[in-house]
Protein backbone atom coordinates (compact mmCIF):
# COMPACT_ATOMS: atom_id res chain seq x y z
CA MET A 1 0.00 0.00 0.00
CA LYS A 2 2.90 2.31 0.82
CA ALA A 3 4.37 1.75 -2.65
CA LEU A 4 1.09 2.63 -4.34
CA ILE A 5 0.75 5.86 -2.36
CA LEU A 6 4.36 6.78 -3.14
CA TYR A 7 3.80 6.05 -6.82
CA ILE A 8 0.72 8.28 -6.94
CA VAL A 9 2.60 11.09 -5.19
CA PHE A 10 5.56 10.82 -7.57
CA VAL A 11 3.27 10.73 -10.61
CA LEU A 12 1.41 13.83 -9.43
CA ILE A 13 4.66 15.70 -8.79
CA GLY A 14 5.99 14.64 -12.19
CA ALA A 15 2.79 15.70 -13.91
CA LEU A 16 2.99 19.13 -12.33
CA VAL A 17 6.61 19.44 -13.46
CA ALA A 18 5.62 18.35 -16.99
CA VAL A 19 2.84 20.95 -17.08
CA GLY A 20 5.19 23.66 -15.85
CA ILE A 21 7.91 22.86 -18.37
CA GLY A 22 5.33 22.49 -21.14
CA TYR A 23 3.85 25.88 -20.31
CA TRP A 24 7.29 27.49 -20.26
CA VAL A 25 8.13 25.95 -23.66
CA GLU A 26 4.81 27.22 -25.03
CA ILE A 27 5.68 30.76 -24.01
CA GLN A 28 9.24 30.54 -25.33
CA VAL A 29 8.74 28.55 -28.56
CA SER A 30 5.28 27.44 -29.73
CA SER A 31 2.28 25.40 -28.72
CA THR A 32 3.22 22.55 -31.07
CA VAL A 33 6.66 22.09 -29.52
CA SER A 34 5.10 22.53 -26.10
CA LEU A 35 2.70 19.64 -26.76
CA ILE A 36 5.54 17.37 -27.87
CA VAL A 37 7.64 18.26 -24.83
CA PHE A 38 4.70 17.85 -22.46
CA LEU A 39 3.71 14.44 -23.83
CA ALA A 40 7.28 13.17 -23.71
CA LEU A 41 7.67 14.31 -20.12
CA PHE A 42 4.23 13.07 -19.13
CA PHE A 43 4.78 9.52 -20.36
CA ALA A 44 8.39 9.37 -19.14
CA ASN A 45 7.02 10.41 -15.76
CA PHE A 46 5.35 7.02 -15.22
CA PHE A 47 8.61 5.13 -15.72
CA VAL A 48 10.68 7.54 -13.64
CA SER A 49 8.10 7.45 -10.85
CA TRP A 50 8.23 3.64 -10.84
CA LEU A 51 12.02 3.74 -10.52
CA ALA A 52 11.78 6.34 -7.76
CA VAL A 53 9.38 4.14 -5.78
CA ILE A 54 11.72 1.16 -6.12
CA PHE A 55 14.65 3.26 -4.95
CA VAL A 56 12.74 4.72 -2.00
CA MET A 57 11.33 1.34 -0.91
CA ASP A 58 14.48 -0.80 -1.35
CA GLY A 59 17.30 1.73 -1.36
CA SER A 60 18.79 0.29 -4.56
CA PHE A 61 17.91 -1.13 -7.94
CA LYS A 62 19.45 -4.58 -7.32
CA ASP A 63 16.09 -6.37 -7.28
CA ALA A 64 14.02 -4.00 -9.41
CA GLN A 65 12.09 -6.79 -11.14
CA GLY A 66 11.62 -8.86 -7.98
CA LYS A 67 13.46 -11.92 -9.30
CA GLN A 68 15.48 -12.50 -6.14
CA ALA A 69 12.40 -12.09 -3.95
CA GLN A 70 10.54 -14.62 -6.11
CA LEU A 71 13.44 -17.08 -5.88
CA ASP A 72 13.50 -16.70 -2.08
CA ILE A 73 9.75 -17.35 -1.86
CA GLU A 74 10.03 -20.44 -4.05
CA LYS A 75 13.00 -21.75 -2.01
CA SER A 76 11.14 -21.36 1.29
CA GLY A 77 8.05 -23.02 -0.25
CA ARG A 78 10.09 -26.02 -1.40
CA ALA A 79 11.71 -26.29 2.03
CA ALA A 80 8.30 -26.27 3.74
CA ALA A 81 6.98 -28.89 1.30
CA ASN A 82 10.00 -31.11 1.99
CA VAL A 83 9.43 -30.85 5.75
CA ARG A 84 5.76 -31.83 5.31
CA MET A 85 6.69 -34.75 3.04
CA GLN A 86 9.28 -36.01 5.54
CA ALA A 87 6.81 -35.73 8.41
CA ALA A 88 4.19 -37.63 6.41
CA ALA A 89 6.71 -40.33 5.48
CA GLU A 90 7.77 -40.73 9.11
CA LYS A 91 4.14 -40.90 10.21
CA ARG A 92 3.40 -43.51 7.54
CA ALA A 93 6.47 -45.54 8.55
CA ALA A 94 5.47 -45.41 12.23
CA ARG A 95 1.93 -46.50 11.33
CA ASP A 96 3.16 -49.38 9.17
CA ALA A 97 5.55 -50.54 11.88
CA ILE A 98 2.67 -51.14 14.29
């Protein structure tokens, strides 16, 4: 939830910056160039905001796509499954021994 809120905040800040720069370009150059600049900044804003959220949440870009986290989750899941299978095998062996 924190990441979503941060993302929305960063997108809003980026949109305001894009509007400001677009308005300045419109005054200095033309409305056509202003539209191109605004759209480029507006759409780049989504990607930059995503990177900013990753950096704020994790402190680095080492696991930006979550691959290491996914591998850790899968490893712990396999370990838990192995423990359950061993416990079931021991229970079955104890039952068969009686």
